[in-house]
Protein backbone atom coordinates (compact mmCIF):
# COMPACT_ATOMS: atom_id res chain seq x y z
CA MET A 1 0.00 0.00 0.00
CA PHE A 2 2.79 2.41 0.95
CA LYS A 3 4.56 1.73 -2.36
CA LYS A 4 1.36 2.57 -4.26
CA ILE A 5 1.05 5.89 -2.44
CA ILE A 6 4.69 6.75 -3.16
CA LEU A 7 4.25 5.76 -6.81
CA ALA A 8 1.09 7.89 -7.07
CA VAL A 9 2.88 10.92 -5.56
CA ILE A 10 5.79 10.50 -7.99
CA LEU A 11 3.41 10.11 -10.92
CA ILE A 12 1.42 13.22 -9.96
CA GLY A 13 4.66 15.17 -9.49
CA ALA A 14 5.90 14.09 -12.92
CA ILE A 15 2.62 15.11 -14.57
CA VAL A 16 2.66 18.53 -12.89
CA ALA A 17 6.31 19.06 -13.88
CA TRP A 18 5.48 18.13 -17.47
CA VAL A 19 2.42 20.36 -17.96
CA ALA A 20 3.14 23.38 -15.76
CA PRO A 21 5.89 25.85 -16.58
CA ILE A 22 8.53 25.68 -13.86
CA ALA A 23 11.60 27.94 -14.05
CA MET A 24 13.20 27.18 -17.42
CA MET A 25 10.93 24.20 -18.19
CA PRO A 26 7.97 25.03 -20.43
CA GLY A 27 4.49 23.70 -19.79
CA PHE A 28 1.11 24.26 -21.40
CA PHE A 29 -1.09 25.76 -18.69
CA ILE A 30 -0.87 29.53 -18.22
CA GLY A 31 -3.58 30.04 -15.57
CA GLY A 32 -4.80 33.43 -14.46
CA SER A 33 -8.03 35.25 -15.30
CA THR A 34 -8.53 36.11 -18.96
CA THR A 35 -8.63 39.90 -19.11
CA PRO A 36 -8.78 42.32 -22.07
CA ALA A 37 -5.43 44.02 -22.60
CA PRO A 38 -5.40 47.52 -21.12
CA SER A 39 -5.03 50.61 -23.31
CA SER A 40 -1.68 51.18 -21.58
CA TRP A 41 0.44 48.73 -19.62
CA GLU A 42 1.17 49.39 -15.98
CA ASP A 43 4.83 49.87 -15.08
CA THR A 44 6.58 46.48 -15.17
CA GLY A 45 9.89 47.73 -13.77
CA ALA A 46 9.48 45.69 -10.57
CA ILE A 47 8.29 42.54 -12.39
CA ASP A 48 11.09 40.14 -13.27
CA GLU A 49 9.13 37.29 -14.86
CA VAL A 50 5.89 36.81 -16.75
CA ARG A 51 4.33 33.79 -18.44
CA LEU A 52 3.90 33.70 -22.19
CA LYS A 53 1.73 31.14 -23.95
CA VAL A 54 2.34 30.38 -27.60
CA GLY A 55 -0.24 28.27 -29.47
CA GLY A 56 0.13 25.06 -31.36
CA LEU A 57 -1.28 21.56 -31.23
CA ILE A 58 0.13 21.44 -27.73
CA PRO A 59 0.52 25.02 -26.48
CA ARG A 60 3.80 26.05 -24.89
CA VAL A 61 4.00 28.30 -21.84
CA VAL A 62 7.34 29.78 -20.83
CA ILE A 63 8.36 31.86 -17.85
CA ILE A 64 10.29 34.74 -19.32
CA TRP A 65 11.76 38.18 -18.64
CA VAL A 66 9.87 41.23 -19.88
CA VAL A 67 10.94 44.83 -20.44
CA GLN A 68 8.94 47.94 -21.06
CA VAL A 69 10.22 50.50 -23.55
CA GLU A 70 8.21 53.62 -24.32
CA GLY A 71 5.09 52.03 -22.80
CA GLU A 72 5.28 48.81 -24.84
CA LEU A 73 6.20 45.33 -23.56
CA TYR A 74 8.89 43.18 -25.16
CA VAL A 75 10.16 39.64 -24.66
CA THR A 76 13.21 37.98 -26.11
CA GLY A 77 14.32 34.41 -26.63
CA ALA A 78 16.94 32.36 -28.38
CA LYS A 79 16.09 32.03 -32.06
CA ASP A 80 16.32 28.24 -31.85
CA SER A 81 14.08 27.88 -28.76
CA GLY A 82 10.75 26.11 -29.14
CA TRP A 83 8.48 29.06 -28.41
CA VAL A 84 10.41 31.42 -30.70
CA THR A 85 10.34 28.85 -33.50
CA ARG A 86 6.57 28.48 -33.07
CA LEU A 87 6.04 32.22 -33.31
CA GLY A 88 8.25 32.63 -36.35
CA ASP A 89 7.77 36.25 -37.42
CA GLY A 90 4.91 36.71 -34.97
CA GLY A 91 1.52 35.48 -33.95
CA GLU A 92 -1.16 35.32 -31.30
CA ALA A 93 -0.08 34.64 -27.75
CA GLU A 94 -1.23 35.10 -24.17
CA LEU A 95 0.64 37.06 -21.52
CA ARG A 96 0.16 36.47 -17.81
CA ILE A 97 1.15 39.22 -15.43
CA GLY A 98 0.20 38.48 -11.84
CA ASP A 99 -3.29 36.99 -11.84
CA ASN A 100 -4.32 38.45 -15.21
CA THR A 101 -3.87 36.78 -18.60
CA TYR A 102 -4.02 39.06 -21.62
CA PRO A 103 -4.43 38.21 -25.31
CA VAL A 104 -1.54 39.73 -27.26
CA VAL A 105 0.02 39.56 -30.69
CA ALA A 106 3.75 38.92 -30.66
CA GLU A 107 5.35 41.06 -33.37
CA ARG A 108 8.94 40.20 -34.26
CA GLN A 109 11.12 43.29 -34.15
CA SER A 110 13.79 44.16 -36.70
CA GLU A 111 14.48 47.81 -35.81
CA ASN A 112 15.97 49.46 -32.71
CA LEU A 113 17.29 46.09 -31.56
CA ASP A 114 20.24 47.59 -29.70
CA LYS A 115 17.92 49.93 -27.77
CA LEU A 116 15.62 47.04 -26.88
CA ILE A 117 18.35 44.60 -25.85
CA ASN A 118 20.02 47.32 -23.76
CA ALA A 119 16.72 47.69 -21.90
CA TRP A 120 17.16 44.06 -20.74
CA TYR A 121 20.75 44.69 -19.72
CA ASP A 122 19.78 47.78 -17.74
CA LYS A 123 16.84 46.10 -16.01
CA TYR A 124 18.33 42.70 -15.20
CA ARG A 125 22.10 43.25 -14.82
CA PRO A 126 21.90 44.37 -11.14
CA ASN A 127 20.18 41.13 -10.00
CA TYR A 128 21.38 38.66 -12.64
CA PRO A 129 24.91 39.74 -13.68
CA ASP A 130 26.05 36.27 -14.83
CA ILE A 131 23.00 35.64 -17.01
CA VAL A 132 23.09 39.13 -18.51
CA GLY A 133 26.82 38.76 -19.15
CA ALA A 134 26.25 35.50 -21.04
CA MET A 135 23.32 37.07 -22.90
CA SER A 136 25.48 40.03 -23.86
CA GLU A 137 28.21 37.78 -25.23
CA ALA A 138 25.68 35.69 -27.20
CA SER A 139 23.86 38.69 -28.67
CA THR A 140 26.70 39.95 -30.85
CA GLU A 141 26.14 39.89 -34.61
CA PRO A 142 24.67 37.78 -36.00
CA ARG A 143 22.05 38.04 -33.30
CA SER A 144 21.13 34.78 -31.66
CA TYR A 145 18.04 36.27 -30.00
CA ALA A 146 14.65 37.24 -31.41
CA ILE A 147 12.77 40.16 -29.87
CA PHE A 148 8.98 40.40 -29.88
CA LYS A 149 6.74 43.33 -29.05
CA LEU A 150 3.59 42.16 -27.24
CA ALA A 151 0.94 44.24 -28.96
CA ARG A 152 -2.58 44.38 -27.58
CA SER A 153 -4.92 42.23 -29.65
């Protein structure tokens, strides 16, 4: 009986780890309350991570850094990562900030990339110097990162 309970706990833990985004591991449940995107985003300067859901046969939810530049929200990811590959040049997505989940359209950026990537460096370098240092080294030309504006849908 005890072995069955232990096996059930392990099985439930494995299922939760597989479907829920945890740290760097993607999942497919975003949670939160679906809310229309506001006409202007609140300041996200104190928010380190958000959840982003990208569609597909099996949706992918990632926990990711976000920056705000001139009132707009941006996310970035390695060009060869699963969620970036799914978005391609852009597409519909969902953004969860706190308890609210907003429909957005991810628009791949091709202009002002230095300004946008420097926004990440400025925001995250104080608390994550090693990660930002590695990101800085990897982002030299040709860029290995894709940047998406999260436009209100």
